[in-house]
């Protein structure tokens, strides 16, 4: 059985989906591509209590890694890329080419890594936002570049820390304190 639940977050509503045992999807609902739960999915908040708690800790700056059972669905190559994303430390960034090198790829490896990164079904938890362009630019992100910048600023990533970190942390704290519903 696949369950789903939508929660508020400082980066907009997030749709969570998975089984009672593992999270398989986090989807940004604020953008133009809202995810509609499939007809056979059942709405339930309980399976996502731990996810919700860890996301709240992350957005408050108290969590740097997630300790959740995950069940992403993808090809063996995609799964290897997503596993490599988890190894990128909080607050650090890596280029597509750098990630390709870590995976032992050459030639067009950066392009393949970019495609797999873009298909990541678990953004934030599997930190695809930490992948940037070779020139340090913020490129491609399913939630949109403003959300990518916000997540990197929250983490104090060097590419955005000096310009945005204090402002973003204050903004996250303010948005969390005025929520009618807990994250």
Protein backbone atom coordinates (compact mmCIF):
# COMPACT_ATOMS: atom_id res chain seq x y z
CA UNK A 1 0.00 0.00 0.00
CA UNK A 2 1.27 3.46 -0.89
CA UNK A 3 0.40 6.24 1.53
CA UNK A 4 0.68 9.97 0.99
CA UNK A 5 0.50 13.11 3.08
CA UNK A 6 1.09 16.78 2.32
CA UNK A 7 2.91 19.00 4.81
CA UNK A 8 3.80 22.66 5.02
CA UNK A 9 7.45 23.63 4.99
CA UNK A 10 9.45 26.84 4.72
CA UNK A 11 9.98 26.04 1.01
CA UNK A 12 6.29 25.43 0.36
CA UNK A 13 4.05 22.40 0.57
CA UNK A 14 5.71 19.01 0.25
CA UNK A 15 3.91 15.84 -0.76
CA UNK A 16 5.32 12.76 0.95
CA UNK A 17 4.64 9.26 -0.38
CA UNK A 18 5.75 5.80 0.60
CA UNK A 19 4.81 2.64 2.40
CA UNK A 20 4.33 2.19 6.11
CA UNK A 21 8.01 1.12 6.20
CA UNK A 22 9.84 3.56 3.90
CA UNK A 23 9.69 6.95 2.20
CA UNK A 24 9.72 6.78 -1.60
CA UNK A 25 8.88 10.32 -2.67
CA UNK A 26 9.15 13.97 -1.63
CA UNK A 27 7.58 16.36 -4.13
CA UNK A 28 7.55 20.18 -4.17
CA UNK A 29 3.92 21.16 -4.57
CA UNK A 30 4.39 24.93 -4.94
CA UNK A 31 5.71 24.78 -8.50
CA UNK A 32 3.91 24.31 -11.77
CA UNK A 33 4.09 20.50 -11.58
CA UNK A 34 2.01 19.52 -8.56
CA UNK A 35 1.90 15.79 -7.96
CA UNK A 36 -1.57 14.32 -7.68
CA UNK A 37 -1.69 11.15 -5.58
CA UNK A 38 -2.63 8.10 -7.60
CA UNK A 39 -6.14 6.77 -7.11
CA UNK A 40 -4.87 3.71 -5.26
CA UNK A 41 -2.79 5.76 -2.77
CA UNK A 42 -4.26 6.19 0.69
CA UNK A 43 -4.03 9.47 2.58
CA UNK A 44 -2.49 9.03 6.04
CA UNK A 45 -0.25 11.21 8.20
CA UNK A 46 0.98 8.53 10.63
CA UNK A 47 3.47 6.79 8.29
CA UNK A 48 5.28 10.12 7.87
CA UNK A 49 5.64 11.23 11.50
CA UNK A 50 9.37 10.50 11.57
CA UNK A 51 9.88 12.16 8.17
CA UNK A 52 8.02 15.24 9.34
CA UNK A 53 10.02 15.45 12.56
CA UNK A 54 13.36 15.13 10.77
CA UNK A 55 12.40 17.70 8.13
CA UNK A 56 11.45 20.14 10.89
CA UNK A 57 14.83 19.56 12.55
CA UNK A 58 16.56 20.13 9.19
CA UNK A 59 14.72 23.39 8.53
CA UNK A 60 15.51 24.59 12.05
CA UNK A 61 19.22 23.88 11.46
CA UNK A 62 19.35 21.05 14.02
CA UNK A 63 19.72 18.14 11.56
CA UNK A 64 22.45 17.66 8.98
CA UNK A 65 21.66 14.13 7.78
CA UNK A 66 18.47 12.15 7.57
CA UNK A 67 18.06 8.77 9.22
CA UNK A 68 15.02 7.43 7.47
CA UNK A 69 14.19 4.19 5.70
CA UNK A 70 14.10 5.08 2.01
CA UNK A 71 12.73 3.20 -0.98
CA UNK A 72 13.40 5.26 -4.11
CA UNK A 73 12.42 3.70 -7.40
CA UNK A 74 14.93 4.03 -10.23
CA UNK A 75 17.40 2.30 -12.48
CA UNK A 76 20.58 0.81 -10.99
CA UNK A 77 22.52 3.81 -12.35
CA UNK A 78 20.07 6.31 -10.84
CA UNK A 79 20.22 4.52 -7.50
CA UNK A 80 24.04 4.72 -7.54
CA UNK A 81 23.90 8.47 -8.25
CA UNK A 82 21.35 9.04 -5.50
CA UNK A 83 23.49 7.07 -3.06
CA UNK A 84 26.46 9.25 -3.99
CA UNK A 85 24.36 12.37 -3.32
CA UNK A 86 23.82 11.25 0.27
CA UNK A 87 27.60 11.19 0.74
CA UNK A 88 27.94 14.92 -0.04
CA UNK A 89 28.29 16.59 3.36
CA UNK A 90 25.83 19.18 4.66
CA UNK A 91 26.79 22.64 3.50
CA UNK A 92 29.08 21.44 0.73
CA UNK A 93 28.49 21.45 -2.99
CA UNK A 94 29.85 19.42 -5.87
CA UNK A 95 29.63 19.85 -9.64
CA UNK A 96 27.97 17.34 -11.92
CA UNK A 97 31.43 16.50 -13.31
CA UNK A 98 32.80 16.09 -9.78
CA UNK A 99 30.04 13.64 -8.92
CA UNK A 100 30.65 11.78 -12.20
CA UNK A 101 34.33 11.46 -11.26
CA UNK A 102 33.41 10.10 -7.82
CA UNK A 103 31.34 7.46 -9.60
CA UNK A 104 34.25 6.58 -11.91
CA UNK A 105 32.58 7.98 -15.02
CA UNK A 106 34.33 9.81 -17.82
CA UNK A 107 33.37 11.55 -21.03
CA UNK A 108 29.69 12.38 -20.87
CA UNK A 109 29.39 11.21 -17.30
CA UNK A 110 28.38 14.66 -16.07
CA UNK A 111 25.39 14.66 -18.41
CA UNK A 112 24.28 11.21 -17.23
CA UNK A 113 24.72 12.27 -13.61
CA UNK A 114 22.67 15.40 -14.33
CA UNK A 115 19.81 13.36 -15.75
CA UNK A 116 19.84 10.98 -12.79
CA UNK A 117 20.06 13.91 -10.38
CA UNK A 118 17.03 15.50 -12.03
CA UNK A 119 15.05 12.27 -11.56
CA UNK A 120 15.75 12.11 -7.80
CA UNK A 121 12.40 11.31 -6.15
CA UNK A 122 13.60 12.32 -2.67
CA UNK A 123 14.87 15.91 -2.83
CA UNK A 124 16.09 17.44 0.43
CA UNK A 125 16.43 13.98 2.03
CA UNK A 126 18.68 12.83 -0.83
CA UNK A 127 20.39 16.21 -1.30
CA UNK A 128 20.38 16.82 -5.05
CA UNK A 129 20.33 20.56 -4.26
CA UNK A 130 24.05 20.25 -3.39
CA UNK A 131 24.94 19.68 -7.06
CA UNK A 132 25.91 22.87 -8.90
CA UNK A 133 27.37 23.86 -12.24
CA UNK A 134 31.10 23.55 -12.92
CA UNK A 135 31.35 27.35 -12.74
CA UNK A 136 29.65 27.43 -9.32
CA UNK A 137 26.29 28.51 -10.70
CA UNK A 138 23.02 27.19 -9.34
CA UNK A 139 21.61 25.09 -12.14
CA UNK A 140 18.56 22.90 -12.56
CA UNK A 141 16.42 21.93 -9.60
CA UNK A 142 12.94 20.39 -9.60
CA UNK A 143 11.75 22.74 -6.87
CA UNK A 144 13.10 25.79 -8.72
CA UNK A 145 16.30 27.73 -8.27
CA UNK A 146 14.97 29.97 -5.46
CA UNK A 147 14.31 26.86 -3.34
CA UNK A 148 17.72 25.43 -4.22
CA UNK A 149 19.33 28.71 -3.16
CA UNK A 150 17.30 28.68 0.07
CA UNK A 151 18.35 25.13 0.94
CA UNK A 152 22.01 25.85 0.24
CA UNK A 153 21.83 29.07 2.23
CA UNK A 154 20.21 27.25 5.14
CA UNK A 155 23.15 24.82 5.09
CA UNK A 156 25.68 27.66 4.85
CA UNK A 157 27.09 26.44 1.53
CA UNK A 158 29.99 28.62 0.40
CA UNK A 159 28.41 29.37 -2.97
CA UNK A 160 25.56 31.26 -1.31
CA UNK A 161 26.48 31.54 2.36
CA UNK A 162 27.96 35.00 2.33
CA UNK A 163 25.06 36.52 0.44
CA UNK A 164 22.03 34.73 1.77
CA UNK A 165 22.63 32.45 4.77
CA UNK A 166 21.70 34.78 7.63
CA UNK A 167 18.72 36.14 5.73
CA UNK A 168 17.47 32.66 4.81
CA UNK A 169 17.90 31.25 8.33
CA UNK A 170 15.92 34.19 9.73
CA UNK A 171 13.27 33.67 7.07
CA UNK A 172 12.97 29.95 7.83
CA UNK A 173 12.65 30.67 11.55
CA UNK A 174 9.99 33.29 10.92
CA UNK A 175 7.99 31.03 8.60
CA UNK A 176 8.14 28.17 11.10
CA UNK A 177 7.03 30.33 14.02
CA UNK A 178 3.88 31.58 12.28
CA UNK A 179 2.63 28.22 11.04
CA UNK A 180 -0.81 27.25 12.13
CA UNK A 181 -0.04 23.61 11.40
CA UNK A 182 3.20 22.02 12.58
CA UNK A 183 5.60 20.83 9.90
